[in-house]
Protein backbone atom coordinates (compact mmCIF):
# COMPACT_ATOMS: atom_id res chain seq x y z
CA MET A 1 9.05 -10.70 -12.27
CA SER A 2 5.42 -9.89 -12.91
CA TRP A 3 3.67 -8.01 -10.12
CA LEU A 4 1.05 -10.75 -9.96
CA ASN A 5 3.43 -13.73 -9.91
CA SER A 6 4.59 -13.23 -6.34
CA ARG A 7 2.96 -15.71 -3.98
CA LEU A 8 3.54 -13.73 -0.81
CA MET A 9 0.27 -12.40 0.62
CA ALA A 10 0.06 -9.28 2.72
CA LYS A 11 -2.96 -8.04 4.64
CA ILE A 12 -3.69 -4.39 3.85
CA GLU A 13 -5.63 -2.21 6.30
CA PHE A 14 -7.16 1.04 5.05
CA TYR A 15 -7.86 4.08 7.21
CA GLY A 16 -9.47 7.49 6.83
CA ALA A 17 -10.67 8.69 3.45
CA LEU A 18 -9.45 5.50 1.75
CA VAL A 19 -12.26 3.57 3.44
CA HIS A 20 -14.77 5.99 1.87
CA VAL A 21 -13.11 5.72 -1.57
CA LEU A 22 -13.33 1.92 -1.31
CA ASP A 23 -17.05 1.98 -0.38
CA GLY A 24 -16.45 1.06 3.25
CA ARG A 25 -13.88 -1.65 2.68
CA LYS A 26 -11.29 -1.63 5.47
CA GLU A 27 -9.10 -4.59 4.51
CA ALA A 28 -7.75 -6.53 1.54
CA GLU A 29 -5.21 -9.26 0.90
CA VAL A 30 -2.73 -8.56 -1.86
CA GLN A 31 0.31 -10.36 -3.26
CA GLY A 32 3.78 -8.84 -3.43
CA ASP A 33 7.30 -9.17 -2.10
CA SER A 34 7.96 -5.43 -1.78
CA VAL A 35 5.92 -2.32 -1.04
CA ARG A 36 6.09 -1.42 -4.74
CA ALA A 37 4.70 -4.83 -5.80
CA VAL A 38 1.94 -4.71 -3.19
CA LEU A 39 0.87 -1.20 -4.22
CA LYS A 40 0.88 -2.11 -7.93
CA ASN A 41 -1.27 -5.17 -7.23
CA LEU A 42 -3.54 -3.08 -5.02
CA GLU A 43 -4.05 -0.62 -7.89
CA GLU A 44 -4.87 -3.49 -10.25
CA THR A 45 -7.37 -4.91 -7.76
CA PHE A 46 -8.94 -1.51 -7.03
CA PRO A 47 -8.56 0.72 -10.13
CA VAL A 48 -9.97 3.69 -8.17
CA LEU A 49 -6.62 3.73 -6.30
CA GLU A 50 -4.51 3.95 -9.46
CA THR A 51 -1.76 6.59 -9.25
CA ARG A 52 -2.63 7.55 -5.67
CA PHE A 53 0.35 5.91 -3.96
CA ILE A 54 3.21 6.07 -6.49
CA ARG A 55 4.02 9.25 -8.39
CA ASN A 56 7.13 9.69 -10.54
CA ASP A 57 8.41 6.38 -9.17
CA GLN A 58 8.26 7.75 -5.60
CA LEU A 59 5.84 7.21 -2.73
CA SER A 60 3.22 9.92 -2.61
CA SER A 61 3.57 12.26 0.35
CA LEU A 62 -0.23 12.16 0.75
CA PHE A 63 -0.14 8.76 2.50
CA PHE A 64 1.65 7.07 5.36
CA ILE A 65 2.41 3.39 4.81
CA TYR A 66 3.51 1.03 7.57
CA VAL A 67 4.73 -2.55 7.18
CA ASN A 68 4.42 -4.47 10.44
CA GLY A 69 4.27 -1.20 12.35
CA LYS A 70 7.32 0.40 10.70
CA ASP A 71 7.06 3.53 8.56
CA VAL A 72 8.36 2.63 5.09
CA ARG A 73 9.87 6.10 4.68
CA PHE A 74 12.60 4.83 7.02
CA THR A 75 12.87 1.21 5.85
CA GLY A 76 13.50 1.51 2.11
CA GLY A 77 10.36 3.12 0.70
CA LEU A 78 9.08 1.24 -2.33
CA THR A 79 11.81 -1.39 -1.96
CA THR A 80 10.83 -2.27 1.62
CA PRO A 81 10.49 -6.07 1.72
CA VAL A 82 7.09 -7.62 2.40
CA GLN A 83 6.91 -11.10 3.88
CA ASP A 84 4.07 -13.58 3.68
CA GLY A 85 1.53 -12.51 6.32
CA SER A 86 2.84 -8.95 6.66
CA ARG A 87 0.35 -6.37 7.86
CA ILE A 88 0.39 -3.13 5.89
CA ARG A 89 -1.46 -0.06 7.09
CA ILE A 90 -2.21 2.77 4.66
CA MET A 91 -3.58 6.07 5.91
CA ASN A 92 -3.95 9.57 4.60
CA ALA A 93 -1.45 12.17 5.76
CA LEU A 94 -3.23 15.03 7.49
CA THR A 95 -3.01 18.24 5.51
CA GLY A 96 -4.54 21.65 5.67
CA GLY A 97 -4.40 24.50 8.03
């Protein structure tokens, strides 16, 4: 299945530094039936995000991703299902000391 052929639409909400990277944009709608498909389509829509979320076929530890309020680290990671109308929140993990 092509990443762009899925008809399911998810609403993505951006927080923190991602809003700055996207020139103030806080939301987007993206197609996909899994977290992986949504993130791939998001990268195609916003090339500045390419390689930020998926590294070596794993979710980057630099971001927290929630689908309908649930942390995807505990619901299947990249294979977490996304339904039509799902709300996905993406935020930077806090780092530093």
